[in-house]
Amino acid sequence: MPKHHCCSLMTAQVTFTCAEHPNPFDCPDCLIHYSERFDEYGLILHDGGTARLTIDFCPWCGTRLPESQRDRWFEELAALGFDDPGDQAIPERYQTGAWYRGGTRFQR
């Protein structure tokens, strides 16, 4: 299910694709990164890596953005026995935003 962002400018930014730079972190025109997994928005720091600065409000319309689910993601996976989810085969539902939209917590 596609995410409905707060305004058309935010939608344009998070869905922007560049013909020259397949990786948005390499493209100077890509400003915002949206992580569906964490329901988190961030300003891309074009420093040669994948760094971003999490934001709480839309820079264009001022709408308060959803609270990041990053901490909850790590907490739920830790409760399931995953101590390094970046290097472990985590349940499929935790690879997208399905885990926080599904309503049921702690499913393997």
PDB file of N, CA and C in Angstrom:
ATOM      1  N   MET A   1       0.846  -1.168   0.000  1.00  0.00           N
ATOM      2  CA  MET A   1       0.000   0.000   0.000  1.00  0.00           C
ATOM      3  C   MET A   1       0.899   1.241   0.000  1.00  0.00           C
ATOM      4  N   PRO A   2       0.740   2.137  -0.978  1.00  0.00           N
ATOM      5  CA  PRO A   2       1.605   3.310  -1.042  1.00  0.00           C
ATOM      6  C   PRO A   2       1.327   4.281   0.108  1.00  0.00           C
ATOM      7  N   LYS A   3       2.368   4.902   0.569  1.00  0.00           N
ATOM      8  CA  LYS A   3       2.271   5.878   1.662  1.00  0.00           C
ATOM      9  C   LYS A   3       1.716   7.187   1.111  1.00  0.00           C
ATOM     10  N   HIS A   4       0.783   7.781   1.837  1.00  0.00           N
ATOM     11  CA  HIS A   4       0.285   9.110   1.492  1.00  0.00           C
ATOM     12  C   HIS A   4       1.082  10.105   2.319  1.00  0.00           C
ATOM     13  N   HIS A   5       1.875  10.910   1.642  1.00  0.00           N
ATOM     14  CA  HIS A   5       2.709  11.890   2.325  1.00  0.00           C
ATOM     15  C   HIS A   5       1.896  13.157   2.580  1.00  0.00           C
ATOM     16  N   CYS A   6       2.429  14.058   3.361  1.00  0.00           N
ATOM     17  CA  CYS A   6       1.683  15.215   3.851  1.00  0.00           C
ATOM     18  C   CYS A   6       1.280  16.221   2.776  1.00  0.00           C
ATOM     19  N   CYS A   7       2.065  16.344   1.714  1.00  0.00           N
ATOM     20  CA  CYS A   7       1.747  17.323   0.678  1.00  0.00           C
ATOM     21  C   CYS A   7       2.363  16.877  -0.651  1.00  0.00           C
ATOM     22  N   SER A   8       1.981  17.544  -1.715  1.00  0.00           N
ATOM     23  CA  SER A   8       2.469  17.155  -3.042  1.00  0.00           C
ATOM     24  C   SER A   8       3.973  17.387  -3.185  1.00  0.00           C
ATOM     25  N   LEU A   9       4.511  18.405  -2.529  1.00  0.00           N
ATOM     26  CA  LEU A   9       5.954  18.651  -2.621  1.00  0.00           C
ATOM     27  C   LEU A   9       6.748  17.550  -1.913  1.00  0.00           C
ATOM     28  N   MET A  10       6.258  17.098  -0.764  1.00  0.00           N
ATOM     29  CA  MET A  10       6.929  15.990  -0.069  1.00  0.00           C
ATOM     30  C   MET A  10       6.837  14.725  -0.908  1.00  0.00           C
ATOM     31  N   THR A  11       5.670  14.462  -1.469  1.00  0.00           N
ATOM     32  CA  THR A  11       5.502  13.284  -2.326  1.00  0.00           C
ATOM     33  C   THR A  11       6.470  13.342  -3.497  1.00  0.00           C
ATOM     34  N   ALA A  12       6.590  14.507  -4.120  1.00  0.00           N
ATOM     35  CA  ALA A  12       7.511  14.665  -5.252  1.00  0.00           C
ATOM     36  C   ALA A  12       8.951  14.391  -4.828  1.00  0.00           C
ATOM     37  N   GLN A  13       9.326  14.833  -3.642  1.00  0.00           N
ATOM     38  CA  GLN A  13      10.696  14.616  -3.170  1.00  0.00           C
ATOM     39  C   GLN A  13      10.985  13.152  -2.862  1.00  0.00           C
ATOM     40  N   VAL A  14      10.098  12.489  -2.145  1.00  0.00           N
ATOM     41  CA  VAL A  14      10.395  11.113  -1.733  1.00  0.00           C
ATOM     42  C   VAL A  14      10.214  10.112  -2.864  1.00  0.00           C
ATOM     43  N   THR A  15       9.540  10.508  -3.936  1.00  0.00           N
ATOM     44  CA  THR A  15       9.372   9.607  -5.082  1.00  0.00           C
ATOM     45  C   THR A  15      10.276   9.994  -6.247  1.00  0.00           C
ATOM     46  N   PHE A  16      11.084  11.036  -6.076  1.00  0.00           N
ATOM     47  CA  PHE A  16      11.969  11.520  -7.132  1.00  0.00           C
ATOM     48  C   PHE A  16      12.977  10.443  -7.537  1.00  0.00           C
ATOM     49  N   THR A  17      13.139  10.255  -8.846  1.00  0.00           N
ATOM     50  CA  THR A  17      14.190   9.370  -9.358  1.00  0.00           C
ATOM     51  C   THR A  17      15.004  10.143 -10.383  1.00  0.00           C
ATOM     52  N   CYS A  18      16.283   9.888 -10.390  1.00  0.00           N
ATOM     53  CA  CYS A  18      17.205  10.597 -11.270  1.00  0.00           C
ATOM     54  C   CYS A  18      17.786   9.616 -12.284  1.00  0.00           C
ATOM     55  N   ALA A  19      17.770   9.999 -13.545  1.00  0.00           N
ATOM     56  CA  ALA A  19      18.307   9.142 -14.604  1.00  0.00           C
ATOM     57  C   ALA A  19      19.823   8.982 -14.487  1.00  0.00           C
ATOM     58  N   GLU A  20      20.493   9.970 -13.933  1.00  0.00           N
ATOM     59  CA  GLU A  20      21.956   9.927 -13.817  1.00  0.00           C
ATOM     60  C   GLU A  20      22.443   9.222 -12.554  1.00  0.00           C
ATOM     61  N   HIS A  21      21.627   9.248 -11.515  1.00  0.00           N
ATOM     62  CA  HIS A  21      22.037   8.704 -10.218  1.00  0.00           C
ATOM     63  C   HIS A  21      20.981   7.733  -9.702  1.00  0.00           C
ATOM     64  N   PRO A  22      21.147   6.434  -9.945  1.00  0.00           N
ATOM     65  CA  PRO A  22      20.169   5.465  -9.447  1.00  0.00           C
ATOM     66  C   PRO A  22      20.071   5.456  -7.914  1.00  0.00           C
ATOM     67  N   ASN A  23      21.162   5.765  -7.239  1.00  0.00           N
ATOM     68  CA  ASN A  23      21.170   5.825  -5.780  1.00  0.00           C
ATOM     69  C   ASN A  23      20.841   7.257  -5.352  1.00  0.00           C
ATOM     70  N   PRO A  24      19.740   7.467  -4.633  1.00  0.00           N
ATOM     71  CA  PRO A  24      19.363   8.832  -4.258  1.00  0.00           C
ATOM     72  C   PRO A  24      20.412   9.549  -3.410  1.00  0.00           C
ATOM     73  N   PHE A  25      21.250   8.805  -2.700  1.00  0.00           N
ATOM     74  CA  PHE A  25      22.277   9.435  -1.877  1.00  0.00           C
ATOM     75  C   PHE A  25      23.422  10.001  -2.712  1.00  0.00           C
ATOM     76  N   ASP A  26      23.489   9.614  -3.987  1.00  0.00           N
ATOM     77  CA  ASP A  26      24.497  10.144  -4.901  1.00  0.00           C
ATOM     78  C   ASP A  26      23.994  11.342  -5.691  1.00  0.00           C
ATOM     79  N   CYS A  27      22.700  11.615  -5.636  1.00  0.00           N
ATOM     80  CA  CYS A  27      22.093  12.657  -6.462  1.00  0.00           C
ATOM     81  C   CYS A  27      21.940  13.965  -5.680  1.00  0.00           C
ATOM     82  N   PRO A  28      22.565  15.045  -6.146  1.00  0.00           N
ATOM     83  CA  PRO A  28      22.444  16.321  -5.439  1.00  0.00           C
ATOM     84  C   PRO A  28      21.033  16.914  -5.493  1.00  0.00           C
ATOM     85  N   ASP A  29      20.200  16.422  -6.405  1.00  0.00           N
ATOM     86  CA  ASP A  29      18.828  16.928  -6.513  1.00  0.00           C
ATOM     87  C   ASP A  29      17.858  16.198  -5.590  1.00  0.00           C
ATOM     88  N   CYS A  30      18.279  15.091  -5.023  1.00  0.00           N
ATOM     89  CA  CYS A  30      17.431  14.326  -4.102  1.00  0.00           C
ATOM     90  C   CYS A  30      17.694  14.852  -2.692  1.00  0.00           C
ATOM     91  N   LEU A  31      16.661  15.399  -2.070  1.00  0.00           N
ATOM     92  CA  LEU A  31      16.834  16.067  -0.781  1.00  0.00           C
ATOM     93  C   LEU A  31      16.288  15.296   0.414  1.00  0.00           C
ATOM     94  N   ILE A  32      15.201  14.537   0.199  1.00  0.00           N
ATOM     95  CA  ILE A  32      14.516  13.861   1.296  1.00  0.00           C
ATOM     96  C   ILE A  32      14.539  12.352   1.073  1.00  0.00           C
ATOM     97  N   HIS A  33      14.826  11.611   2.126  1.00  0.00           N
ATOM     98  CA  HIS A  33      14.742  10.152   2.080  1.00  0.00           C
ATOM     99  C   HIS A  33      13.607   9.730   3.001  1.00  0.00           C
ATOM    100  N   TYR A  34      12.749   8.836   2.503  1.00  0.00           N
ATOM    101  CA  TYR A  34      11.685   8.276   3.337  1.00  0.00           C
ATOM    102  C   TYR A  34      11.969   6.796   3.522  1.00  0.00           C
ATOM    103  N   SER A  35      12.021   6.353   4.764  1.00  0.00           N
ATOM    104  CA  SER A  35      12.201   4.942   5.085  1.00  0.00           C
ATOM    105  C   SER A  35      10.852   4.363   5.472  1.00  0.00           C
ATOM    106  N   GLU A  36      10.306   3.526   4.606  1.00  0.00           N
ATOM    107  CA  GLU A  36       9.034   2.877   4.917  1.00  0.00           C
ATOM    108  C   GLU A  36       9.193   1.965   6.132  1.00  0.00           C
ATOM    109  N   ARG A  37      10.321   1.289   6.218  1.00  0.00           N
ATOM    110  CA  ARG A  37      10.560   0.355   7.325  1.00  0.00           C
ATOM    111  C   ARG A  37      10.384   1.033   8.682  1.00  0.00           C
ATOM    112  N   PHE A  38      10.849   2.273   8.789  1.00  0.00           N
ATOM    113  CA  PHE A  38      10.793   2.997  10.058  1.00  0.00           C
ATOM    114  C   PHE A  38       9.741   4.107  10.073  1.00  0.00           C
ATOM    115  N   ASP A  39       9.034   4.316   8.961  1.00  0.00           N
ATOM    116  CA  ASP A  39       8.090   5.432   8.806  1.00  0.00           C
ATOM    117  C   ASP A  39       8.782   6.726   9.217  1.00  0.00           C
ATOM    118  N   GLU A  40       9.932   6.973   8.576  1.00  0.00           N
ATOM    119  CA  GLU A  40      10.836   8.037   9.003  1.00  0.00           C
ATOM    120  C   GLU A  40      11.288   8.863   7.801  1.00  0.00           C
ATOM    121  N   TYR A  41      11.283  10.181   7.977  1.00  0.00           N
ATOM    122  CA  TYR A  41      11.735  11.112   6.942  1.00  0.00           C
ATOM    123  C   TYR A  41      13.064  11.718   7.365  1.00  0.00           C
ATOM    124  N   GLY A  42      13.945  11.954   6.391  1.00  0.00           N
ATOM    125  CA  GLY A  42      15.210  12.582   6.721  1.00  0.00           C
ATOM    126  C   GLY A  42      15.772  13.394   5.577  1.00  0.00           C
ATOM    127  N   LEU A  43      16.510  14.440   5.922  1.00  0.00           N
ATOM    128  CA  LEU A  43      17.251  15.223   4.937  1.00  0.00           C
ATOM    129  C   LEU A  43      18.515  14.452   4.592  1.00  0.00           C
ATOM    130  N   ILE A  44      18.751  14.253   3.311  1.00  0.00           N
ATOM    131  CA  ILE A  44      19.950  13.534   2.878  1.00  0.00           C
ATOM    132  C   ILE A  44      21.159  14.443   3.048  1.00  0.00           C
ATOM    133  N   LEU A  45      22.178  13.936   3.718  1.00  0.00           N
ATOM    134  CA  LEU A  45      23.443  14.651   3.865  1.00  0.00           C
ATOM    135  C   LEU A  45      24.367  14.138   2.767  1.00  0.00           C
ATOM    136  N   HIS A  46      24.576  14.940   1.773  1.00  0.00           N
ATOM    137  CA  HIS A  46      25.371  14.508   0.620  1.00  0.00           C
ATOM    138  C   HIS A  46      26.856  14.560   0.980  1.00  0.00           C
ATOM    139  N   ASP A  47      27.269  13.557   1.747  1.00  0.00           N
ATOM    140  CA  ASP A  47      28.646  13.481   2.227  1.00  0.00           C
ATOM    141  C   ASP A  47      29.391  12.270   1.671  1.00  0.00           C
ATOM    142  N   GLY A  48      28.793  11.617   0.669  1.00  0.00           N
ATOM    143  CA  GLY A  48      29.419  10.447   0.072  1.00  0.00           C
ATOM    144  C   GLY A  48      28.934   9.138   0.658  1.00  0.00           C
ATOM    145  N   GLY A  49      28.109   9.200   1.682  1.00  0.00           N
ATOM    146  CA  GLY A  49      27.574   7.992   2.304  1.00  0.00           C
ATOM    147  C   GLY A  49      26.059   7.980   2.243  1.00  0.00           C
ATOM    148  N   THR A  50      25.455   7.357   3.247  1.00  0.00           N
ATOM    149  CA  THR A  50      23.991   7.276   3.293  1.00  0.00           C
ATOM    150  C   THR A  50      23.441   8.000   4.527  1.00  0.00           C
ATOM    151  N   ALA A  51      24.169   8.996   4.996  1.00  0.00           N
ATOM    152  CA  ALA A  51      23.736   9.733   6.184  1.00  0.00           C
ATOM    153  C   ALA A  51      22.525  10.606   5.873  1.00  0.00           C
ATOM    154  N   ARG A  52      21.669  10.708   6.878  1.00  0.00           N
ATOM    155  CA  ARG A  52      20.514  11.593   6.766  1.00  0.00           C
ATOM    156  C   ARG A  52      20.182  12.114   8.156  1.00  0.00           C
ATOM    157  N   LEU A  53      19.534  13.266   8.173  1.00  0.00           N
ATOM    158  CA  LEU A  53      19.132  13.906   9.409  1.00  0.00           C
ATOM    159  C   LEU A  53      17.624  13.777   9.526  1.00  0.00           C
ATOM    160  N   THR A  54      17.160  13.045  10.530  1.00  0.00           N
ATOM    161  CA  THR A  54      15.727  12.828  10.712  1.00  0.00           C
ATOM    162  C   THR A  54      15.034  14.164  10.966  1.00  0.00           C
ATOM    163  N   ILE A  55      13.881  14.342  10.313  1.00  0.00           N
ATOM    164  CA  ILE A  55      13.115  15.578  10.483  1.00  0.00           C
ATOM    165  C   ILE A  55      11.746  15.256  11.076  1.00  0.00           C
ATOM    166  N   ASP A  56      11.211  16.198  11.826  1.00  0.00           N
ATOM    167  CA  ASP A  56       9.919  16.020  12.486  1.00  0.00           C
ATOM    168  C   ASP A  56       8.785  16.769  11.795  1.00  0.00           C
ATOM    169  N   PHE A  57       9.134  17.751  10.958  1.00  0.00           N
ATOM    170  CA  PHE A  57       8.128  18.556  10.270  1.00  0.00           C
ATOM    171  C   PHE A  57       8.463  18.642   8.789  1.00  0.00           C
ATOM    172  N   CYS A  58       7.435  18.734   7.963  1.00  0.00           N
ATOM    173  CA  CYS A  58       7.637  18.888   6.527  1.00  0.00           C
ATOM    174  C   CYS A  58       8.233  20.269   6.254  1.00  0.00           C
ATOM    175  N   PRO A  59       9.321  20.343   5.483  1.00  0.00           N
ATOM    176  CA  PRO A  59       9.926  21.635   5.172  1.00  0.00           C
ATOM    177  C   PRO A  59       9.044  22.524   4.288  1.00  0.00           C
ATOM    178  N   TRP A  60       8.050  21.942   3.621  1.00  0.00           N
ATOM    179  CA  TRP A  60       7.224  22.706   2.683  1.00  0.00           C
ATOM    180  C   TRP A  60       5.894  23.136   3.275  1.00  0.00           C
ATOM    181  N   CYS A  61       5.186  22.232   3.937  1.00  0.00           N
ATOM    182  CA  CYS A  61       3.845  22.590   4.434  1.00  0.00           C
ATOM    183  C   CYS A  61       3.790  22.722   5.951  1.00  0.00           C
ATOM    184  N   GLY A  62       4.844  22.311   6.646  1.00  0.00           N
ATOM    185  CA  GLY A  62       4.899  22.450   8.093  1.00  0.00           C
ATOM    186  C   GLY A  62       4.182  21.369   8.884  1.00  0.00           C
ATOM    187  N   THR A  63       3.602  20.397   8.194  1.00  0.00           N
ATOM    188  CA  THR A  63       2.888  19.323   8.879  1.00  0.00           C
ATOM    189  C   THR A  63       3.844  18.514   9.752  1.00  0.00           C
ATOM    190  N   ARG A  64       3.385  18.176  10.957  1.00  0.00           N
ATOM    191  CA  ARG A  64       4.177  17.291  11.821  1.00  0.00           C
ATOM    192  C   ARG A  64       4.198  15.915  11.170  1.00  0.00           C
ATOM    193  N   LEU A  65       5.376  15.358  11.015  1.00  0.00           N
ATOM    194  CA  LEU A  65       5.542  14.048  10.387  1.00  0.00           C
ATOM    195  C   LEU A  65       5.366  12.955  11.432  1.00  0.00           C
ATOM    196  N   PRO A  66       5.070  11.731  10.992  1.00  0.00           N
ATOM    197  CA  PRO A  66       4.871  10.647  11.962  1.00  0.00           C
ATOM    198  C   PRO A  66       6.129  10.399  12.796  1.00  0.00           C
ATOM    199  N   GLU A  67       5.920   9.956  14.009  1.00  0.00           N
ATOM    200  CA  GLU A  67       7.052   9.618  14.871  1.00  0.00           C
ATOM    201  C   GLU A  67       7.778   8.413  14.282  1.00  0.00           C
ATOM    202  N   SER A  68       9.088   8.501  14.221  1.00  0.00           N
ATOM    203  CA  SER A  68       9.892   7.402  13.688  1.00  0.00           C
ATOM    204  C   SER A  68       9.644   6.128  14.489  1.00  0.00           C
ATOM    205  N   GLN A  69       9.576   5.030  13.787  1.00  0.00           N
ATOM    206  CA  GLN A  69       9.379   3.721  14.408  1.00  0.00           C
ATOM    207  C   GLN A  69      10.700   2.960  14.555  1.00  0.00           C
ATOM    208  N   ARG A  70      11.817   3.638  14.312  1.00  0.00           N
ATOM    209  CA  ARG A  70      13.140   2.993  14.346  1.00  0.00           C
ATOM    210  C   ARG A  70      13.416   2.286  15.677  1.00  0.00           C
ATOM    211  N   ASP A  71      13.258   2.988  16.791  1.00  0.00           N
ATOM    212  CA  ASP A  71      13.544   2.381  18.102  1.00  0.00           C
ATOM    213  C   ASP A  71      12.639   1.183  18.357  1.00  0.00           C
ATOM    214  N   ARG A  72      11.368   1.339  18.035  1.00  0.00           N
ATOM    215  CA  ARG A  72      10.414   0.236  18.229  1.00  0.00           C
ATOM    216  C   ARG A  72      10.807  -0.977  17.393  1.00  0.00           C
ATOM    217  N   TRP A  73      11.284  -0.748  16.157  1.00  0.00           N
ATOM    218  CA  TRP A  73      11.714  -1.824  15.264  1.00  0.00           C
ATOM    219  C   TRP A  73      12.821  -2.644  15.934  1.00  0.00           C
ATOM    220  N   PHE A  74      13.838  -1.946  16.431  1.00  0.00           N
ATOM    221  CA  PHE A  74      14.940  -2.639  17.103  1.00  0.00           C
ATOM    222  C   PHE A  74      14.465  -3.343  18.373  1.00  0.00           C
ATOM    223  N   GLU A  75      13.581  -2.701  19.131  1.00  0.00           N
ATOM    224  CA  GLU A  75      13.067  -3.309  20.363  1.00  0.00           C
ATOM    225  C   GLU A  75      12.283  -4.586  20.070  1.00  0.00           C
ATOM    226  N   GLU A  76      11.417  -4.543  19.070  1.00  0.00           N
ATOM    227  CA  GLU A  76      10.622  -5.730  18.741  1.00  0.00           C
ATOM    228  C   GLU A  76      11.508  -6.863  18.239  1.00  0.00           C
ATOM    229  N   LEU A  77      12.487  -6.534  17.408  1.00  0.00           N
ATOM    230  CA  LEU A  77      13.375  -7.585  16.912  1.00  0.00           C
ATOM    231  C   LEU A  77      14.237  -8.153  18.035  1.00  0.00           C
ATOM    232  N   ALA A  78      14.664  -7.308  18.963  1.00  0.00           N
ATOM    233  CA  ALA A  78      15.431  -7.805  20.116  1.00  0.00           C
ATOM    234  C   ALA A  78      14.570  -8.752  20.951  1.00  0.00           C
ATOM    235  N   ALA A  79      13.293  -8.412  21.120  1.00  0.00           N
ATOM    236  CA  ALA A  79      12.383  -9.277  21.880  1.00  0.00           C
ATOM    237  C   ALA A  79      12.181 -10.621  21.188  1.00  0.00           C
ATOM    238  N   LEU A  80      12.375 -10.639  19.876  1.00  0.00           N
ATOM    239  CA  LEU A  80      12.266 -11.887  19.114  1.00  0.00           C
ATOM    240  C   LEU A  80      13.593 -12.646  19.056  1.00  0.00           C
ATOM    241  N   GLY A  81      14.645 -12.083  19.672  1.00  0.00           N
ATOM    242  CA  GLY A  81      15.928 -12.770  19.729  1.00  0.00           C
ATOM    243  C   GLY A  81      16.943 -12.331  18.694  1.00  0.00           C
ATOM    244  N   PHE A  82      16.675 -11.252  17.983  1.00  0.00           N
ATOM    245  CA  PHE A  82      17.619 -10.759  16.976  1.00  0.00           C
ATOM    246  C   PHE A  82      18.476  -9.673  17.605  1.00  0.00           C
ATOM    247  N   ASP A  83      19.793  -9.931  17.705  1.00  0.00           N
ATOM    248  CA  ASP A  83      20.682  -8.949  18.312  1.00  0.00           C
ATOM    249  C   ASP A  83      21.456  -8.134  17.284  1.00  0.00           C
ATOM    250  N   ASP A  84      21.402  -8.532  16.008  1.00  0.00           N
ATOM    251  CA  ASP A  84      22.081  -7.802  14.934  1.00  0.00           C
ATOM    252  C   ASP A  84      21.239  -7.905  13.660  1.00  0.00           C
ATOM    253  N   PRO A  85      20.079  -7.228  13.623  1.00  0.00           N
ATOM    254  CA  PRO A  85      19.148  -7.413  12.506  1.00  0.00           C
ATOM    255  C   PRO A  85      19.706  -7.006  11.149  1.00  0.00           C
ATOM    256  N   GLY A  86      20.750  -6.193  11.127  1.00  0.00           N
ATOM    257  CA  GLY A  86      21.366  -5.822   9.852  1.00  0.00           C
ATOM    258  C   GLY A  86      22.075  -6.987   9.187  1.00  0.00           C
ATOM    259  N   ASP A  87      22.513  -7.950   9.994  1.00  0.00           N
ATOM    260  CA  ASP A  87      23.244  -9.106   9.470  1.00  0.00           C
ATOM    261  C   ASP A  87      22.500 -10.423   9.655  1.00  0.00           C
ATOM    262  N   GLN A  88      21.274 -10.370  10.152  1.00  0.00           N
ATOM    263  CA  GLN A  88      20.505 -11.590  10.392  1.00  0.00           C
ATOM    264  C   GLN A  88      19.296 -11.647   9.462  1.00  0.00           C
ATOM    265  N   ALA A  89      18.824 -12.847   9.228  1.00  0.00           N
ATOM    266  CA  ALA A  89      17.627 -13.050   8.400  1.00  0.00           C
ATOM    267  C   ALA A  89      16.399 -12.788   9.271  1.00  0.00           C
ATOM    268  N   ILE A  90      15.947 -11.544   9.245  1.00  0.00           N
ATOM    269  CA  ILE A  90      14.793 -11.163  10.061  1.00  0.00           C
ATOM    270  C   ILE A  90      13.498 -11.552   9.345  1.00  0.00           C
ATOM    271  N   PRO A  91      12.393 -11.666  10.089  1.00  0.00           N
ATOM    272  CA  PRO A  91      11.117 -11.999   9.451  1.00  0.00           C
ATOM    273  C   PRO A  91      10.770 -10.993   8.352  1.00  0.00           C
ATOM    274  N   GLU A  92      10.161 -11.488   7.304  1.00  0.00           N
ATOM    275  CA  GLU A  92       9.850 -10.663   6.132  1.00  0.00           C
ATOM    276  C   GLU A  92       9.033  -9.427   6.485  1.00  0.00           C
ATOM    277  N   ARG A  93       8.098  -9.563   7.402  1.00  0.00           N
ATOM    278  CA  ARG A  93       7.232  -8.419   7.735  1.00  0.00           C
ATOM    279  C   ARG A  93       8.027  -7.251   8.301  1.00  0.00           C
ATOM    280  N   TYR A  94       9.220  -7.488   8.863  1.00  0.00           N
ATOM    281  CA  TYR A  94      10.045  -6.417   9.415  1.00  0.00           C
ATOM    282  C   TYR A  94      10.944  -5.769   8.364  1.00  0.00           C
ATOM    283  N   GLN A  95      10.873  -6.228   7.135  1.00  0.00           N
ATOM    284  CA  GLN A  95      11.682  -5.651   6.066  1.00  0.00           C
ATOM    285  C   GLN A  95      10.975  -4.490   5.373  1.00  0.00           C
ATOM    286  N   THR A  96       9.708  -4.304   5.671  1.00  0.00           N
ATOM    287  CA  THR A  96       8.922  -3.192   5.132  1.00  0.00           C
ATOM    288  C   THR A  96       8.169  -2.553   6.300  1.00  0.00           C
ATOM    289  N   GLY A  97       7.220  -1.724   5.985  1.00  0.00           N
ATOM    290  CA  GLY A  97       6.405  -1.105   7.020  1.00  0.00           C
ATOM    291  C   GLY A  97       5.260  -1.978   7.490  1.00  0.00           C
ATOM    292  N   ALA A  98       5.174  -3.201   6.980  1.00  0.00           N
ATOM    293  CA  ALA A  98       4.068  -4.093   7.354  1.00  0.00           C
ATOM    294  C   ALA A  98       4.029  -4.352   8.852  1.00  0.00           C
ATOM    295  N   TRP A  99       5.171  -4.382   9.502  1.00  0.00           N
ATOM    296  CA  TRP A  99       5.230  -4.732  10.916  1.00  0.00           C
ATOM    297  C   TRP A  99       4.518  -3.701  11.792  1.00  0.00           C
ATOM    298  N   TYR A 100       4.573  -2.404  11.474  1.00  0.00           N
ATOM    299  CA  TYR A 100       3.893  -1.418  12.322  1.00  0.00           C
ATOM    300  C   TYR A 100       2.480  -1.125  11.830  1.00  0.00           C
ATOM    301  N   ARG A 101       2.160  -1.487  10.606  1.00  0.00           N
ATOM    302  CA  ARG A 101       0.804  -1.286  10.091  1.00  0.00           C
ATOM    303  C   ARG A 101      -0.094  -2.476  10.392  1.00  0.00           C
ATOM    304  N   GLY A 102       0.505  -3.625  10.670  1.00  0.00           N
ATOM    305  CA  GLY A 102      -0.260  -4.852  10.829  1.00  0.00           C
ATOM    306  C   GLY A 102      -1.061  -4.973  12.105  1.00  0.00           C
ATOM    307  N   GLY A 103      -0.705  -4.217  13.123  1.00  0.00           N
ATOM    308  CA  GLY A 103      -1.467  -4.276  14.364  1.00  0.00           C
ATOM    309  C   GLY A 103      -0.979  -5.335  15.334  1.00  0.00           C
ATOM    310  N   THR A 104      -0.620  -6.514  14.866  1.00  0.00           N
ATOM    311  CA  THR A 104      -0.150  -7.576  15.745  1.00  0.00           C
ATOM    312  C   THR A 104       1.355  -7.439  15.917  1.00  0.00           C
ATOM    313  N   ARG A 105       1.798  -7.483  17.151  1.00  0.00           N
ATOM    314  CA  ARG A 105       3.220  -7.307  17.427  1.00  0.00           C
ATOM    315  C   ARG A 105       3.887  -8.647  17.697  1.00  0.00           C
ATOM    316  N   PHE A 106       5.183  -8.658  17.538  1.00  0.00           N
ATOM    317  CA  PHE A 106       6.039  -9.784  17.890  1.00  0.00           C
ATOM    318  C   PHE A 106       5.663 -11.078  17.188  1.00  0.00           C
ATOM    319  N   GLN A 107       5.519 -11.037  15.893  1.00  0.00           N
ATOM    320  CA  GLN A 107       5.257 -12.261  15.127  1.00  0.00           C
ATOM    321  C   GLN A 107       6.525 -12.696  14.425  1.00  0.00           C
ATOM    322  N   ARG A 108       6.805 -13.980  14.478  1.00  0.00           N
ATOM    323  CA  ARG A 108       7.936 -14.539  13.725  1.00  0.00           C
ATOM    324  C   ARG A 108       7.501 -14.848  12.330  1.00  0.00           C
TER     325      ARG A 108
END
